[in-house]
N, C-alpha and C. Protein backbone atom coordinates (compact mmCIF):
# COMPACT_ATOMS: atom_id res chain seq x y z
N MET A 1 131.07 104.35 75.30
CA MET A 1 130.19 103.18 75.27
C MET A 1 129.54 102.95 76.63
N MET A 2 130.38 103.05 77.70
CA MET A 2 129.86 102.87 79.06
C MET A 2 128.85 103.96 79.39
N ALA A 3 129.16 105.19 78.88
CA ALA A 3 128.24 106.31 79.15
C ALA A 3 126.88 106.05 78.52
N ASP A 4 126.88 105.40 77.35
CA ASP A 4 125.62 105.11 76.68
C ASP A 4 124.74 104.19 77.52
N LEU A 5 125.38 103.28 78.28
CA LEU A 5 124.62 102.34 79.10
C LEU A 5 123.86 103.04 80.22
N PHE A 6 124.33 104.25 80.56
CA PHE A 6 123.69 105.00 81.66
C PHE A 6 123.05 106.29 81.14
N SER A 7 122.78 106.33 79.85
CA SER A 7 122.12 107.51 79.29
C SER A 7 120.67 107.55 79.77
N PRO A 8 120.07 108.75 79.80
CA PRO A 8 118.69 108.86 80.29
C PRO A 8 117.71 107.94 79.56
N ILE A 9 117.86 107.79 78.23
CA ILE A 9 116.94 106.96 77.46
C ILE A 9 117.06 105.49 77.86
N ILE A 10 118.30 105.03 78.07
CA ILE A 10 118.52 103.64 78.48
C ILE A 10 117.92 103.39 79.87
N ILE A 11 118.16 104.32 80.78
CA ILE A 11 117.62 104.18 82.15
C ILE A 11 116.10 104.17 82.12
N LEU A 12 115.50 105.07 81.31
CA LEU A 12 114.04 105.11 81.20
C LEU A 12 113.49 103.81 80.63
N GLN A 13 114.21 103.25 79.65
CA GLN A 13 113.76 101.97 79.08
C GLN A 13 113.75 100.87 80.14
N TRP A 14 114.78 100.84 80.98
CA TRP A 14 114.83 99.82 82.03
C TRP A 14 113.70 100.02 83.05
N LEU A 15 113.46 101.27 83.42
CA LEU A 15 112.38 101.55 84.37
C LEU A 15 111.02 101.18 83.76
N GLY A 16 110.81 101.60 82.51
CA GLY A 16 109.55 101.28 81.84
C GLY A 16 109.36 99.79 81.69
N THR A 17 110.47 99.09 81.41
CA THR A 17 110.41 97.63 81.28
C THR A 17 110.00 96.97 82.58
N GLY A 18 110.57 97.45 83.69
CA GLY A 18 110.23 96.89 85.00
C GLY A 18 108.76 97.03 85.33
N PHE A 19 108.25 98.23 85.12
CA PHE A 19 106.83 98.46 85.39
C PHE A 19 105.95 97.70 84.39
N GLY A 20 106.41 97.62 83.14
CA GLY A 20 105.64 96.90 82.13
C GLY A 20 105.55 95.41 82.42
N ILE A 21 106.66 94.83 82.87
CA ILE A 21 106.66 93.40 83.22
C ILE A 21 105.71 93.14 84.38
N THR A 22 105.77 94.00 85.39
CA THR A 22 104.88 93.85 86.54
C THR A 22 103.42 93.95 86.10
N GLN A 23 103.14 94.90 85.21
CA GLN A 23 101.77 95.09 84.74
C GLN A 23 101.23 93.86 84.03
N VAL A 24 102.01 93.31 83.10
CA VAL A 24 101.50 92.20 82.30
C VAL A 24 101.39 90.92 83.15
N LEU A 25 102.27 90.75 84.13
CA LEU A 25 102.16 89.58 85.00
C LEU A 25 100.91 89.67 85.88
N LEU A 26 100.60 90.88 86.34
CA LEU A 26 99.37 91.06 87.12
C LEU A 26 98.13 90.87 86.24
N ALA A 27 98.21 91.34 84.99
CA ALA A 27 97.08 91.14 84.06
C ALA A 27 96.86 89.66 83.81
N ARG A 28 97.97 88.91 83.65
CA ARG A 28 97.87 87.47 83.44
C ARG A 28 97.13 86.81 84.60
N LYS A 29 97.35 87.31 85.82
CA LYS A 29 96.70 86.75 87.00
C LYS A 29 95.30 87.31 87.20
N ASN A 30 94.85 88.14 86.25
CA ASN A 30 93.52 88.74 86.36
C ASN A 30 93.43 89.68 87.55
N ASN A 31 94.55 90.35 87.86
CA ASN A 31 94.63 91.26 89.01
C ASN A 31 94.39 92.69 88.54
N ILE A 32 93.41 93.35 89.12
CA ILE A 32 93.02 94.69 88.70
C ILE A 32 94.14 95.71 88.88
N HIS A 33 95.06 95.48 89.81
CA HIS A 33 96.12 96.44 90.07
C HIS A 33 97.15 96.51 88.95
N ASN A 34 97.00 95.66 87.93
CA ASN A 34 97.90 95.75 86.78
C ASN A 34 97.84 97.13 86.15
N TYR A 35 96.69 97.78 86.24
CA TYR A 35 96.53 99.08 85.59
C TYR A 35 97.39 100.16 86.26
N LEU A 36 97.61 100.08 87.55
CA LEU A 36 98.42 101.09 88.24
C LEU A 36 99.86 101.05 87.74
N PHE A 37 100.43 99.85 87.63
CA PHE A 37 101.79 99.71 87.12
C PHE A 37 101.83 100.06 85.63
N GLY A 38 100.77 99.72 84.92
CA GLY A 38 100.72 100.01 83.50
C GLY A 38 100.75 101.50 83.21
N ILE A 39 100.07 102.30 84.02
CA ILE A 39 100.04 103.75 83.81
C ILE A 39 101.43 104.35 83.92
N ILE A 40 102.20 103.89 84.92
CA ILE A 40 103.57 104.39 85.08
C ILE A 40 104.43 104.00 83.88
N ALA A 41 104.30 102.74 83.44
CA ALA A 41 105.06 102.28 82.27
C ALA A 41 104.69 103.08 81.03
N ILE A 42 103.42 103.42 80.88
CA ILE A 42 102.95 104.20 79.73
C ILE A 42 103.59 105.58 79.71
N LEU A 43 103.60 106.26 80.84
CA LEU A 43 104.15 107.61 80.91
C LEU A 43 105.64 107.61 80.59
N ILE A 44 106.37 106.62 81.10
CA ILE A 44 107.80 106.51 80.80
C ILE A 44 107.99 106.23 79.31
N GLY A 45 107.20 105.31 78.78
CA GLY A 45 107.33 104.92 77.38
C GLY A 45 107.08 106.07 76.43
N MET A 46 106.19 106.98 76.77
CA MET A 46 105.88 108.10 75.89
C MET A 46 107.10 108.97 75.65
N TRP A 47 107.90 109.18 76.68
CA TRP A 47 109.10 109.99 76.52
C TRP A 47 110.13 109.29 75.63
N VAL A 48 110.30 107.99 75.84
CA VAL A 48 111.26 107.22 75.04
C VAL A 48 110.84 107.21 73.57
N LEU A 49 109.55 107.03 73.31
CA LEU A 49 109.05 106.97 71.94
C LEU A 49 109.17 108.31 71.24
N TYR A 50 108.97 109.40 71.98
CA TYR A 50 109.12 110.73 71.39
C TYR A 50 110.56 110.94 70.94
N ASP A 51 111.49 110.50 71.75
CA ASP A 51 112.91 110.62 71.41
C ASP A 51 113.26 109.80 70.17
N SER A 52 112.50 108.71 69.93
CA SER A 52 112.78 107.81 68.81
C SER A 52 111.89 108.10 67.58
N LYS A 53 111.06 109.14 67.66
CA LYS A 53 110.20 109.56 66.55
C LYS A 53 109.15 108.50 66.17
N LEU A 54 108.75 107.70 67.13
CA LEU A 54 107.67 106.74 66.90
C LEU A 54 106.35 107.37 67.35
N TYR A 55 105.87 108.29 66.52
CA TYR A 55 104.77 109.15 66.93
C TYR A 55 103.45 108.42 67.07
N ALA A 56 103.21 107.44 66.21
CA ALA A 56 101.96 106.67 66.33
C ALA A 56 101.93 105.91 67.65
N ASP A 57 103.10 105.43 68.06
CA ASP A 57 103.16 104.73 69.34
C ASP A 57 102.92 105.67 70.51
N ILE A 58 103.25 106.95 70.35
CA ILE A 58 102.94 107.93 71.40
C ILE A 58 101.43 108.07 71.53
N LEU A 59 100.76 108.20 70.39
CA LEU A 59 99.30 108.26 70.42
C LEU A 59 98.72 106.97 71.00
N LEU A 60 99.35 105.85 70.65
CA LEU A 60 98.92 104.57 71.21
C LEU A 60 99.03 104.58 72.72
N HIS A 61 100.13 105.15 73.23
CA HIS A 61 100.31 105.21 74.68
C HIS A 61 99.29 106.14 75.34
N LEU A 62 98.93 107.23 74.66
CA LEU A 62 97.86 108.08 75.19
C LEU A 62 96.55 107.31 75.26
N TYR A 63 96.31 106.52 74.23
CA TYR A 63 95.13 105.65 74.22
C TYR A 63 95.21 104.62 75.34
N TYR A 64 96.41 104.02 75.51
CA TYR A 64 96.62 103.08 76.61
C TYR A 64 96.28 103.73 77.95
N LEU A 65 96.71 104.98 78.10
CA LEU A 65 96.47 105.69 79.36
C LEU A 65 94.97 105.84 79.60
N THR A 66 94.26 106.25 78.55
CA THR A 66 92.80 106.41 78.66
C THR A 66 92.12 105.08 78.95
N MET A 67 92.52 104.04 78.20
CA MET A 67 91.89 102.73 78.38
C MET A 67 92.28 102.09 79.70
N SER A 68 93.44 102.43 80.24
CA SER A 68 93.84 101.91 81.55
C SER A 68 92.93 102.46 82.64
N ILE A 69 92.63 103.75 82.54
CA ILE A 69 91.72 104.36 83.52
C ILE A 69 90.31 103.78 83.35
N TYR A 70 89.87 103.70 82.08
CA TYR A 70 88.55 103.10 81.80
C TYR A 70 88.50 101.64 82.24
N GLY A 71 89.57 100.90 81.91
CA GLY A 71 89.62 99.48 82.25
C GLY A 71 89.57 99.24 83.75
N TRP A 72 90.27 100.07 84.50
CA TRP A 72 90.26 99.90 85.97
C TRP A 72 88.85 100.03 86.51
N PHE A 73 88.13 101.08 86.05
CA PHE A 73 86.76 101.28 86.52
C PHE A 73 85.82 100.20 86.00
N TYR A 74 86.03 99.77 84.74
CA TYR A 74 85.14 98.74 84.17
C TYR A 74 85.36 97.40 84.86
N TRP A 75 86.63 97.02 85.09
CA TRP A 75 86.91 95.78 85.81
C TRP A 75 86.30 95.82 87.20
N LYS A 76 86.39 97.00 87.83
CA LYS A 76 85.95 97.12 89.22
C LYS A 76 84.43 97.13 89.36
N PHE A 77 83.77 97.86 88.45
CA PHE A 77 82.34 98.07 88.62
C PHE A 77 81.47 97.54 87.49
N GLY A 78 81.98 97.55 86.25
CA GLY A 78 81.19 97.09 85.13
C GLY A 78 79.91 97.88 84.98
N LYS A 79 78.91 97.26 84.40
CA LYS A 79 77.62 97.94 84.22
C LYS A 79 76.67 97.65 85.38
N GLN A 80 76.99 96.62 86.14
CA GLN A 80 76.09 96.23 87.22
C GLN A 80 76.64 96.63 88.59
N LYS A 81 77.60 97.56 88.58
CA LYS A 81 78.22 98.03 89.83
C LYS A 81 78.89 96.90 90.60
N LYS A 82 79.38 95.90 89.86
CA LYS A 82 80.13 94.83 90.48
C LYS A 82 81.22 94.39 89.50
N GLU A 83 82.19 93.66 90.02
CA GLU A 83 83.34 93.28 89.20
C GLU A 83 82.91 92.43 88.01
N VAL A 84 83.44 92.79 86.82
CA VAL A 84 83.07 92.11 85.58
C VAL A 84 83.94 90.86 85.39
N PRO A 85 83.34 89.72 85.07
CA PRO A 85 84.12 88.49 84.87
C PRO A 85 84.76 88.46 83.48
N ILE A 86 85.75 87.60 83.32
CA ILE A 86 86.35 87.36 82.00
C ILE A 86 85.31 86.68 81.12
N SER A 87 85.29 87.03 79.84
CA SER A 87 84.36 86.39 78.92
C SER A 87 84.92 86.46 77.50
N TYR A 88 84.32 85.68 76.61
CA TYR A 88 84.69 85.73 75.20
C TYR A 88 83.93 86.87 74.52
N ALA A 89 84.56 87.47 73.51
CA ALA A 89 83.93 88.57 72.79
C ALA A 89 82.72 88.07 72.00
N SER A 90 81.70 88.89 71.97
CA SER A 90 80.52 88.59 71.16
C SER A 90 80.82 88.91 69.69
N PHE A 91 79.90 88.54 68.80
CA PHE A 91 80.08 88.83 67.38
C PHE A 91 80.19 90.34 67.15
N GLN A 92 79.36 91.11 67.85
CA GLN A 92 79.40 92.57 67.72
C GLN A 92 80.74 93.12 68.19
N GLU A 93 81.26 92.57 69.27
CA GLU A 93 82.55 93.04 69.79
C GLU A 93 83.69 92.68 68.84
N HIS A 94 83.59 91.52 68.18
CA HIS A 94 84.58 91.16 67.17
C HIS A 94 84.56 92.18 66.03
N LEU A 95 83.37 92.54 65.58
CA LEU A 95 83.25 93.53 64.50
C LEU A 95 83.82 94.87 64.92
N LYS A 96 83.55 95.27 66.15
CA LYS A 96 84.08 96.54 66.66
C LYS A 96 85.61 96.50 66.70
N ALA A 97 86.18 95.37 67.14
CA ALA A 97 87.64 95.24 67.21
C ALA A 97 88.27 95.34 65.83
N ILE A 98 87.67 94.66 64.86
CA ILE A 98 88.16 94.73 63.48
C ILE A 98 88.02 96.16 62.94
N GLY A 99 86.91 96.80 63.28
CA GLY A 99 86.71 98.18 62.86
C GLY A 99 87.76 99.11 63.44
N ILE A 100 88.14 98.88 64.69
CA ILE A 100 89.19 99.67 65.33
C ILE A 100 90.51 99.50 64.58
N VAL A 101 90.84 98.26 64.22
CA VAL A 101 92.08 97.98 63.51
C VAL A 101 92.12 98.73 62.18
N ILE A 102 91.06 98.59 61.39
CA ILE A 102 91.03 99.18 60.05
C ILE A 102 91.04 100.71 60.11
N SER A 103 90.18 101.28 60.94
CA SER A 103 90.09 102.74 61.01
C SER A 103 91.35 103.34 61.58
N CYS A 104 91.91 102.71 62.59
CA CYS A 104 93.15 103.22 63.20
C CYS A 104 94.30 103.17 62.20
N PHE A 105 94.39 102.07 61.45
CA PHE A 105 95.46 101.93 60.46
C PHE A 105 95.38 103.04 59.41
N ILE A 106 94.20 103.28 58.89
CA ILE A 106 94.02 104.30 57.85
C ILE A 106 94.39 105.69 58.38
N ILE A 107 93.88 106.00 59.56
CA ILE A 107 94.14 107.32 60.14
C ILE A 107 95.63 107.50 60.44
N MET A 108 96.25 106.47 61.02
CA MET A 108 97.66 106.57 61.39
C MET A 108 98.57 106.67 60.18
N VAL A 109 98.28 105.90 59.12
CA VAL A 109 99.10 105.95 57.91
C VAL A 109 99.05 107.35 57.31
N TYR A 110 97.85 107.91 57.24
CA TYR A 110 97.71 109.27 56.68
C TYR A 110 98.47 110.28 57.53
N TRP A 111 98.25 110.24 58.83
CA TRP A 111 98.88 111.23 59.71
C TRP A 111 100.40 111.09 59.70
N LEU A 112 100.89 109.86 59.80
CA LEU A 112 102.34 109.65 59.86
C LEU A 112 103.03 110.02 58.55
N SER A 113 102.42 109.67 57.43
CA SER A 113 103.06 109.91 56.14
C SER A 113 102.94 111.36 55.68
N GLN A 114 101.88 112.05 56.11
CA GLN A 114 101.64 113.41 55.63
C GLN A 114 102.04 114.50 56.61
N HIS A 115 102.05 114.19 57.89
CA HIS A 115 102.23 115.25 58.88
C HIS A 115 103.36 115.01 59.89
N THR A 116 104.15 113.97 59.71
CA THR A 116 105.30 113.73 60.59
C THR A 116 106.51 113.34 59.75
N ASN A 117 107.66 113.27 60.41
CA ASN A 117 108.88 112.82 59.73
C ASN A 117 109.16 111.34 59.99
N SER A 118 108.12 110.57 60.28
CA SER A 118 108.28 109.13 60.52
C SER A 118 108.85 108.46 59.28
N ASP A 119 109.80 107.56 59.51
CA ASP A 119 110.38 106.80 58.39
C ASP A 119 109.80 105.40 58.30
N VAL A 120 108.84 105.09 59.17
CA VAL A 120 108.20 103.76 59.14
C VAL A 120 106.69 103.89 59.34
N PRO A 121 106.00 104.68 58.50
CA PRO A 121 104.58 104.96 58.75
C PRO A 121 103.68 103.73 58.71
N TYR A 122 103.86 102.84 57.74
CA TYR A 122 102.99 101.67 57.62
C TYR A 122 103.25 100.67 58.74
N TRP A 123 104.52 100.48 59.04
CA TRP A 123 104.93 99.56 60.09
C TRP A 123 104.39 100.04 61.45
N ASP A 124 104.63 101.31 61.72
CA ASP A 124 104.19 101.91 62.99
C ASP A 124 102.67 101.88 63.11
N ALA A 125 101.98 102.18 62.00
CA ALA A 125 100.52 102.21 62.02
C ALA A 125 99.92 100.83 62.26
N THR A 126 100.55 99.78 61.70
CA THR A 126 100.02 98.42 61.87
C THR A 126 100.10 97.96 63.32
N THR A 127 101.26 98.17 63.95
CA THR A 127 101.40 97.78 65.35
C THR A 127 100.42 98.54 66.22
N THR A 128 100.25 99.81 65.92
CA THR A 128 99.34 100.64 66.70
C THR A 128 97.90 100.19 66.55
N ALA A 129 97.49 99.86 65.33
CA ALA A 129 96.10 99.48 65.07
C ALA A 129 95.70 98.24 65.85
N PHE A 130 96.53 97.20 65.80
CA PHE A 130 96.20 95.97 66.53
C PHE A 130 96.27 96.17 68.04
N ALA A 131 97.19 97.01 68.49
CA ALA A 131 97.31 97.26 69.93
C ALA A 131 96.10 98.03 70.44
N TRP A 132 95.58 98.97 69.64
CA TRP A 132 94.38 99.71 70.03
C TRP A 132 93.21 98.75 70.26
N ALA A 133 93.02 97.86 69.31
CA ALA A 133 91.93 96.89 69.43
C ALA A 133 92.15 95.96 70.63
N GLY A 134 93.38 95.52 70.80
CA GLY A 134 93.69 94.63 71.91
C GLY A 134 93.47 95.28 73.27
N MET A 135 93.85 96.53 73.38
CA MET A 135 93.68 97.23 74.66
C MET A 135 92.21 97.47 74.97
N TRP A 136 91.42 97.73 73.92
CA TRP A 136 89.97 97.89 74.12
C TRP A 136 89.36 96.59 74.64
N LEU A 137 89.76 95.47 74.05
CA LEU A 137 89.26 94.17 74.49
C LEU A 137 89.75 93.84 75.90
N MET A 138 90.99 94.23 76.22
CA MET A 138 91.51 94.02 77.57
C MET A 138 90.69 94.79 78.59
N ALA A 139 90.39 96.05 78.26
CA ALA A 139 89.61 96.88 79.19
C ALA A 139 88.24 96.28 79.46
N ARG A 140 87.69 95.58 78.47
CA ARG A 140 86.39 94.94 78.64
C ARG A 140 86.50 93.50 79.12
N ARG A 141 87.71 93.11 79.46
CA ARG A 141 88.01 91.79 80.03
C ARG A 141 87.62 90.65 79.08
N LYS A 142 87.96 90.81 77.82
CA LYS A 142 87.65 89.80 76.81
C LYS A 142 88.88 88.96 76.50
N MET A 143 88.67 87.68 76.37
CA MET A 143 89.75 86.73 76.10
C MET A 143 90.58 87.11 74.88
N GLU A 144 89.93 87.58 73.86
CA GLU A 144 90.60 87.82 72.58
C GLU A 144 91.61 88.96 72.62
N ASN A 145 91.65 89.70 73.73
CA ASN A 145 92.63 90.79 73.83
C ASN A 145 94.05 90.27 73.64
N TRP A 146 94.31 89.06 74.15
CA TRP A 146 95.67 88.49 74.05
C TRP A 146 96.06 88.24 72.60
N ILE A 147 95.10 87.88 71.77
CA ILE A 147 95.39 87.60 70.35
C ILE A 147 95.77 88.88 69.62
N TYR A 148 94.95 89.92 69.79
CA TYR A 148 95.23 91.19 69.12
C TYR A 148 96.53 91.81 69.62
N LEU A 149 96.75 91.74 70.92
CA LEU A 149 97.98 92.32 71.47
C LEU A 149 99.21 91.57 70.96
N ASN A 150 99.08 90.26 70.77
CA ASN A 150 100.23 89.50 70.30
C ASN A 150 100.51 89.72 68.82
N ILE A 151 99.50 90.02 68.04
CA ILE A 151 99.75 90.40 66.65
C ILE A 151 100.57 91.69 66.63
N SER A 152 100.18 92.63 67.49
CA SER A 152 100.94 93.88 67.61
C SER A 152 102.37 93.61 68.09
N ASN A 153 102.50 92.73 69.09
CA ASN A 153 103.83 92.43 69.64
C ASN A 153 104.77 91.85 68.61
N ILE A 154 104.28 90.90 67.83
CA ILE A 154 105.16 90.20 66.90
C ILE A 154 105.62 91.13 65.76
N ILE A 155 104.81 92.13 65.46
CA ILE A 155 105.22 93.12 64.46
C ILE A 155 106.15 94.17 65.09
N SER A 156 105.91 94.47 66.37
CA SER A 156 106.71 95.49 67.06
C SER A 156 108.15 95.08 67.28
N ILE A 157 108.40 93.79 67.47
CA ILE A 157 109.75 93.34 67.81
C ILE A 157 110.79 93.78 66.77
N PRO A 158 110.61 93.45 65.47
CA PRO A 158 111.61 93.91 64.50
C PRO A 158 111.62 95.43 64.34
N LEU A 159 110.47 96.10 64.56
CA LEU A 159 110.44 97.55 64.47
C LEU A 159 111.32 98.18 65.55
N LEU A 160 111.21 97.68 66.77
CA LEU A 160 112.01 98.21 67.87
C LEU A 160 113.49 97.92 67.69
N VAL A 161 113.81 96.76 67.12
CA VAL A 161 115.21 96.44 66.82
C VAL A 161 115.74 97.42 65.77
N TYR A 162 114.94 97.68 64.75
CA TYR A 162 115.32 98.63 63.69
C TYR A 162 115.59 100.01 64.28
N LYS A 163 114.80 100.40 65.29
CA LYS A 163 114.96 101.69 65.94
C LYS A 163 116.03 101.66 67.04
N GLU A 164 116.68 100.51 67.21
CA GLU A 164 117.75 100.30 68.19
C GLU A 164 117.26 100.47 69.63
N LEU A 165 115.98 100.19 69.85
CA LEU A 165 115.42 100.17 71.20
C LEU A 165 115.43 98.73 71.68
N TYR A 166 116.64 98.23 71.92
CA TYR A 166 116.83 96.81 72.18
C TYR A 166 116.19 96.35 73.49
N ILE A 167 116.19 97.21 74.48
CA ILE A 167 115.58 96.83 75.76
C ILE A 167 114.07 96.66 75.59
N TYR A 168 113.45 97.60 74.89
CA TYR A 168 112.02 97.48 74.65
C TYR A 168 111.70 96.32 73.72
N ALA A 169 112.61 96.02 72.80
CA ALA A 169 112.41 94.84 71.94
C ALA A 169 112.42 93.57 72.78
N GLY A 170 113.36 93.51 73.72
CA GLY A 170 113.41 92.36 74.63
C GLY A 170 112.17 92.27 75.48
N LEU A 171 111.69 93.42 75.96
CA LEU A 171 110.45 93.44 76.74
C LEU A 171 109.29 92.91 75.91
N THR A 172 109.23 93.30 74.64
CA THR A 172 108.14 92.87 73.77
C THR A 172 108.17 91.38 73.50
N VAL A 173 109.38 90.81 73.40
CA VAL A 173 109.50 89.34 73.29
C VAL A 173 108.91 88.69 74.54
N PHE A 174 109.24 89.25 75.68
CA PHE A 174 108.70 88.74 76.94
C PHE A 174 107.18 88.89 76.98
N LEU A 175 106.68 90.04 76.55
CA LEU A 175 105.23 90.27 76.53
C LEU A 175 104.53 89.29 75.60
N PHE A 176 105.18 88.97 74.48
CA PHE A 176 104.62 87.99 73.54
C PHE A 176 104.43 86.64 74.23
N ALA A 177 105.45 86.21 74.97
CA ALA A 177 105.37 84.93 75.66
C ALA A 177 104.31 84.96 76.77
N VAL A 178 104.27 86.06 77.50
CA VAL A 178 103.29 86.17 78.60
C VAL A 178 101.87 86.22 78.05
N ALA A 179 101.69 86.86 76.90
CA ALA A 179 100.35 86.94 76.31
C ALA A 179 99.84 85.55 75.93
N ILE A 180 100.72 84.70 75.43
CA ILE A 180 100.33 83.31 75.13
C ILE A 180 99.92 82.61 76.42
N SER A 181 100.77 82.78 77.44
CA SER A 181 100.46 82.17 78.73
C SER A 181 99.18 82.76 79.32
N GLY A 182 99.01 84.08 79.16
CA GLY A 182 97.83 84.75 79.70
C GLY A 182 96.55 84.26 79.09
N TYR A 183 96.59 83.97 77.80
CA TYR A 183 95.40 83.45 77.12
C TYR A 183 94.95 82.15 77.76
N PHE A 184 95.88 81.22 77.99
CA PHE A 184 95.53 79.93 78.58
C PHE A 184 95.17 80.07 80.06
N LYS A 185 95.81 81.03 80.74
CA LYS A 185 95.48 81.27 82.14
C LYS A 185 94.05 81.78 82.26
N TRP A 186 93.68 82.73 81.42
CA TRP A 186 92.32 83.26 81.46
C TRP A 186 91.30 82.20 81.08
N ARG A 187 91.67 81.33 80.15
CA ARG A 187 90.75 80.26 79.76
C ARG A 187 90.50 79.33 80.94
N GLN A 188 91.54 79.04 81.71
CA GLN A 188 91.38 78.21 82.92
C GLN A 188 90.45 78.89 83.91
N ILE A 189 90.59 80.22 84.04
CA ILE A 189 89.74 80.96 84.98
C ILE A 189 88.28 80.89 84.54
N ILE A 190 88.03 81.02 83.24
CA ILE A 190 86.66 80.92 82.73
C ILE A 190 86.08 79.54 83.01
N LEU A 191 86.87 78.49 82.75
CA LEU A 191 86.40 77.12 82.99
C LEU A 191 86.10 76.90 84.47
N HIS A 192 86.99 77.42 85.31
CA HIS A 192 86.80 77.27 86.76
C HIS A 192 85.53 77.98 87.21
N GLU A 193 85.32 79.21 86.71
CA GLU A 193 84.15 79.98 87.11
C GLU A 193 82.86 79.35 86.58
N SER A 194 82.91 78.79 85.36
CA SER A 194 81.71 78.14 84.81
C SER A 194 81.36 76.89 85.60
N ARG A 195 82.39 76.12 86.00
CA ARG A 195 82.13 74.92 86.81
C ARG A 195 81.56 75.30 88.17
N HIS A 196 82.10 76.37 88.75
CA HIS A 196 81.62 76.84 90.06
C HIS A 196 80.17 77.28 89.97
N THR A 197 79.84 78.01 88.88
CA THR A 197 78.47 78.46 88.67
C THR A 197 77.52 77.27 88.51
N TYR A 198 77.98 76.25 87.76
CA TYR A 198 77.16 75.07 87.49
C TYR A 198 76.88 74.30 88.78
N THR A 199 77.90 74.19 89.64
CA THR A 199 77.74 73.40 90.86
C THR A 199 76.91 74.11 91.91
N THR A 200 76.80 75.46 91.77
CA THR A 200 76.01 76.21 92.76
C THR A 200 74.58 76.40 92.34
N ILE A 201 74.25 76.00 91.10
CA ILE A 201 72.87 76.11 90.63
C ILE A 201 72.00 75.02 91.24
């Protein structure tokens, strides 16, 4: 039992959790360096998920890795070669996010059920679909990213418990709480920036 507490998978979960917590706290503060810690957490998580046969989540982490690199550059430079502010998603961006959820779910369910030995294809696909949309919105610095990510989080918690990844389940509970806090924190930042813009006009 004691040996299990120091098994490689348990140690990796603790390391990934530490980097993941740091990442989400920095994201809550609207700090661009959240992506650096996030990349390390992603790489660690991919190994843990492979060991647990959560293959859709591995693809999700590859997507996270890509979007983290994209997000860092987009936050830093945007389209105008300057830092992009937080904003609410437009109607088109809402449609794109919903499209990501639907298309990702369909693709993941097919792949998991037909080409892997996953025992939770629908469950795994649902968490992945909402997380994909949430990460895309996060990379574009949109408020609604917290909503999509939290839908994924609340579904992931029982899935991780079922897979006996208790440390990651605990991390996801923490991420759920921080995402709620992050939504209100970002809203305060938007209000502050809008007031500042108004007073300088």
